[in-house]
Amino acid sequence: MDKSVATRAQIVTAADRLFYQHGFEHTSFTAIAEAVRISRGNFYYYFKTKDEILAAVIEERLAATREMLRRWEASDPAGRIRSFIRIVVTNGPDIQRYGCPVGTLTTELAKVEHPSRPAAVALFTLFREWLAEQFTALGRGADADALALHVLALSQGIATLSHAFGDDDFVRREVASLETWLATVIDRPEGNRCSSFC
């Protein structure tokens, strides 16, 4: 890999981690430069503003998410949804300490009315559309989007309370409950929408 490309990738990786751990607003150019051990002057060769770095971080997160979803394609639709539901367990330690990386970023950008907020929300949109595709494949085309949003909402709630309380048992119970709910949804006939969220 070309050295300048490698350095740019290191900057984006470091910024991604720092934005997640400390927040976008509380992460300085200097902190990112120090994390990759380059001078402030050399840093400007790659990025002129922190907003440019944020755009690159969001783009990288989208690419990484698409790759994760691609890996999950080896499972059947129900197995793919279960993989999504289990993210809060798989990434449990980070979520307990820093919250959901998607949720925390979109919330922070919304608070400051940052112009990159729609780009960050695209991560949620990607999950929403992908989950809806899985529910459609399971024969729930009529309410696939509603079911996708339900899974997203519950997952975000679990992640938020995991971050607040740091309770592993709670997370495991809620994930198991969501998986049980998923099994009942798969067995319900199309159109029985009002009972989908029982």
Protein backbone atom coordinates (compact mmCIF):
# COMPACT_ATOMS: atom_id res chain seq x y z
CA MET A 1 0.00 0.00 0.00
CA ASP A 2 1.22 3.50 -0.86
CA LYS A 3 2.57 5.26 2.25
CA SER A 4 0.28 8.28 1.90
CA VAL A 5 -2.75 5.99 1.51
CA ALA A 6 -1.66 4.00 4.57
CA THR A 7 -1.17 7.16 6.62
CA ARG A 8 -4.58 8.49 5.61
CA ALA A 9 -6.16 5.17 6.63
CA GLN A 10 -4.36 5.35 9.99
CA ILE A 11 -5.72 8.85 10.57
CA VAL A 12 -9.27 7.73 9.80
CA THR A 13 -8.94 4.69 12.07
CA ALA A 14 -7.56 6.77 14.92
CA ALA A 15 -10.21 9.46 14.47
CA ASP A 16 -12.96 6.84 14.39
CA ARG A 17 -11.78 5.42 17.70
CA LEU A 18 -11.37 8.85 19.33
CA PHE A 19 -14.75 10.11 18.08
CA TYR A 20 -16.34 7.00 19.54
CA GLN A 21 -14.53 7.12 22.86
CA HIS A 22 -14.53 10.89 23.48
CA GLY A 23 -17.08 12.31 21.05
CA PHE A 24 -16.59 14.32 17.88
CA GLU A 25 -16.76 17.71 19.60
CA HIS A 26 -14.23 16.72 22.27
CA THR A 27 -11.66 15.27 19.88
CA SER A 28 -9.09 17.77 18.63
CA PHE A 29 -6.87 17.76 15.54
CA THR A 30 -3.93 17.54 17.92
CA ALA A 31 -5.27 14.43 19.62
CA ILE A 32 -5.73 12.66 16.28
CA ALA A 33 -2.28 13.74 15.06
CA GLU A 34 -0.69 12.49 18.28
CA ALA A 35 -2.52 9.17 17.98
CA VAL A 36 -0.92 8.52 14.58
CA ARG A 37 2.36 10.23 15.54
CA ILE A 38 2.54 12.77 12.77
CA SER A 39 3.11 16.50 13.02
CA ARG A 40 0.21 18.94 12.82
CA GLY A 41 1.71 20.34 9.59
CA ASN A 42 1.85 16.92 7.92
CA PHE A 43 -1.67 16.24 9.15
CA TYR A 44 -3.05 19.06 6.99
CA TYR A 45 -1.70 17.32 3.90
CA TYR A 46 -4.38 14.66 4.41
CA PHE A 47 -7.25 16.60 5.98
CA LYS A 48 -7.83 20.36 6.13
CA THR A 49 -10.72 20.28 8.61
CA LYS A 50 -12.16 18.02 11.27
CA ASP A 51 -15.37 17.87 9.23
CA GLU A 52 -13.39 16.26 6.40
CA ILE A 53 -12.15 13.63 8.83
CA LEU A 54 -15.70 13.06 10.09
CA ALA A 55 -16.90 12.49 6.52
CA ALA A 56 -14.11 9.95 5.99
CA VAL A 57 -14.94 8.21 9.29
CA ILE A 58 -18.61 7.89 8.35
CA GLU A 59 -17.67 6.58 4.90
CA GLU A 60 -15.36 4.01 6.51
CA ARG A 61 -18.05 2.95 8.98
CA LEU A 62 -20.50 2.45 6.13
CA ALA A 63 -17.95 0.35 4.22
CA ALA A 64 -17.19 -1.75 7.31
CA THR A 65 -20.90 -2.23 7.99
CA ARG A 66 -21.56 -3.36 4.42
CA GLU A 67 -18.69 -5.84 4.74
CA MET A 68 -20.12 -7.18 8.00
CA LEU A 69 -23.55 -7.62 6.39
CA ARG A 70 -21.91 -9.34 3.43
CA ARG A 71 -20.26 -11.86 5.79
CA TRP A 72 -23.62 -12.58 7.36
CA GLU A 73 -25.03 -13.58 3.97
CA ALA A 74 -23.77 -17.12 4.64
CA SER A 75 -26.73 -17.55 7.03
CA ASP A 76 -30.43 -17.75 6.26
CA PRO A 77 -32.54 -14.57 6.74
CA ALA A 78 -33.50 -15.44 10.33
CA GLY A 79 -29.87 -16.18 11.16
CA ARG A 80 -28.83 -12.83 9.68
CA ILE A 81 -31.33 -10.98 11.86
CA ARG A 82 -30.12 -12.91 14.90
CA SER A 83 -26.55 -11.85 14.07
CA PHE A 84 -27.71 -8.24 14.11
CA ILE A 85 -29.59 -8.69 17.39
CA ARG A 86 -26.48 -10.19 19.00
CA ILE A 87 -24.26 -7.18 18.18
CA VAL A 88 -24.95 -5.79 21.65
CA VAL A 89 -23.44 -8.98 23.10
CA THR A 90 -20.61 -9.30 20.58
CA ASN A 91 -19.55 -5.68 21.16
CA GLY A 92 -20.66 -5.69 24.79
CA PRO A 93 -17.55 -4.24 26.50
CA ASP A 94 -17.30 -1.28 24.08
CA ILE A 95 -21.04 -0.60 24.22
CA GLN A 96 -21.02 -0.68 28.02
CA ARG A 97 -18.18 1.82 28.13
CA TYR A 98 -18.96 4.13 25.21
CA GLY A 99 -22.48 3.33 23.99
CA CYS A 100 -23.57 2.33 20.49
CA PRO A 101 -21.17 3.88 17.95
CA VAL A 102 -23.99 4.68 15.54
CA GLY A 103 -26.40 5.99 18.14
CA THR A 104 -23.87 8.12 20.01
CA LEU A 105 -22.58 9.78 16.83
CA THR A 106 -25.99 10.58 15.39
CA THR A 107 -27.18 11.94 18.74
CA GLU A 108 -24.12 14.14 19.14
CA LEU A 109 -24.35 15.52 15.61
CA ALA A 110 -28.08 16.18 16.03
CA LYS A 111 -27.46 18.21 19.20
CA VAL A 112 -25.09 20.59 17.40
CA GLU A 113 -27.11 20.54 14.15
CA HIS A 114 -24.02 19.33 12.30
CA PRO A 115 -24.39 19.13 8.50
CA SER A 116 -22.95 15.59 8.54
CA ARG A 117 -25.85 14.26 10.60
CA PRO A 118 -27.75 12.89 7.53
CA ALA A 119 -24.62 11.02 6.46
CA ALA A 120 -24.33 9.49 9.94
CA VAL A 121 -28.03 8.55 9.91
CA ALA A 122 -27.26 6.61 6.71
CA LEU A 123 -25.77 3.93 8.98
CA PHE A 124 -29.15 3.43 10.61
CA THR A 125 -30.80 3.53 7.19
CA LEU A 126 -28.46 0.82 5.95
CA PHE A 127 -29.43 -1.42 8.88
CA ARG A 128 -33.12 -0.56 8.45
CA GLU A 129 -33.18 -1.45 4.76
CA TRP A 130 -31.09 -4.59 5.27
CA LEU A 131 -33.31 -5.83 8.10
CA ALA A 132 -36.41 -5.13 6.00
CA GLU A 133 -34.91 -7.24 3.22
CA GLN A 134 -34.45 -10.13 5.65
CA PHE A 135 -38.04 -9.88 6.92
CA THR A 136 -39.27 -9.74 3.33
CA ALA A 137 -37.32 -12.91 2.59
CA LEU A 138 -39.09 -14.48 5.59
CA GLY A 139 -42.47 -13.74 4.00
CA ARG A 140 -43.22 -10.56 5.95
CA GLY A 141 -43.08 -8.12 3.04
CA ALA A 142 -46.16 -6.13 4.06
CA ASP A 143 -44.74 -5.11 7.44
CA ALA A 144 -41.03 -5.68 6.81
CA ASP A 145 -40.06 -2.06 7.38
CA ALA A 146 -42.09 -1.82 10.60
CA LEU A 147 -40.45 -5.00 11.88
CA ALA A 148 -37.01 -3.68 10.91
CA LEU A 149 -37.62 -0.46 12.84
CA HIS A 150 -38.85 -2.47 15.82
CA VAL A 151 -35.62 -4.48 15.92
CA LEU A 152 -33.56 -1.30 15.55
CA ALA A 153 -35.49 0.44 18.32
CA LEU A 154 -35.15 -2.44 20.78
CA SER A 155 -31.46 -2.91 19.94
CA GLN A 156 -30.80 0.78 20.55
CA GLY A 157 -32.68 0.61 23.83
CA ILE A 158 -30.66 -2.39 24.97
CA ALA A 159 -27.42 -0.65 23.97
CA THR A 160 -28.39 2.56 25.77
CA LEU A 161 -29.28 0.77 29.01
CA SER A 162 -26.19 -1.43 28.75
CA HIS A 163 -24.13 1.77 28.58
CA ALA A 164 -26.06 3.24 31.52
CA PHE A 165 -26.06 0.25 33.86
CA GLY A 166 -23.28 -2.06 32.61
CA ASP A 167 -25.47 -5.07 33.36
CA ASP A 168 -24.43 -8.13 31.33
CA ASP A 169 -27.33 -10.22 32.62
CA PHE A 170 -29.83 -7.60 31.46
CA VAL A 171 -28.30 -7.55 27.98
CA ARG A 172 -28.37 -11.33 27.68
CA ARG A 173 -32.00 -11.49 28.87
CA GLU A 174 -33.15 -8.80 26.45
CA VAL A 175 -31.28 -10.34 23.52
CA ALA A 176 -32.83 -13.73 24.31
CA SER A 177 -36.27 -12.09 24.53
CA LEU A 178 -35.77 -10.40 21.18
CA GLU A 179 -34.69 -13.70 19.62
CA THR A 180 -37.82 -15.38 21.04
CA TRP A 181 -39.92 -12.58 19.57
CA LEU A 182 -38.21 -13.11 16.21
CA ALA A 183 -39.17 -16.81 16.25
CA THR A 184 -42.82 -15.90 16.78
CA VAL A 185 -42.73 -13.31 14.00
CA ILE A 186 -41.38 -15.89 11.57
CA ASP A 187 -44.28 -18.22 12.42
CA ARG A 188 -47.02 -15.59 12.06
CA PRO A 189 -48.94 -15.21 8.80
CA GLU A 190 -48.39 -12.17 6.59
CA GLY A 191 -50.65 -9.31 7.52
CA ASN A 192 -51.04 -10.12 11.22
CA ARG A 193 -49.34 -6.82 11.79
CA CYS A 194 -51.02 -5.60 14.94
CA SER A 195 -49.63 -8.56 16.89
CA SER A 196 -46.15 -8.36 15.43
CA PHE A 197 -44.79 -6.48 18.41
CA CYS A 198 -46.24 -8.59 21.22
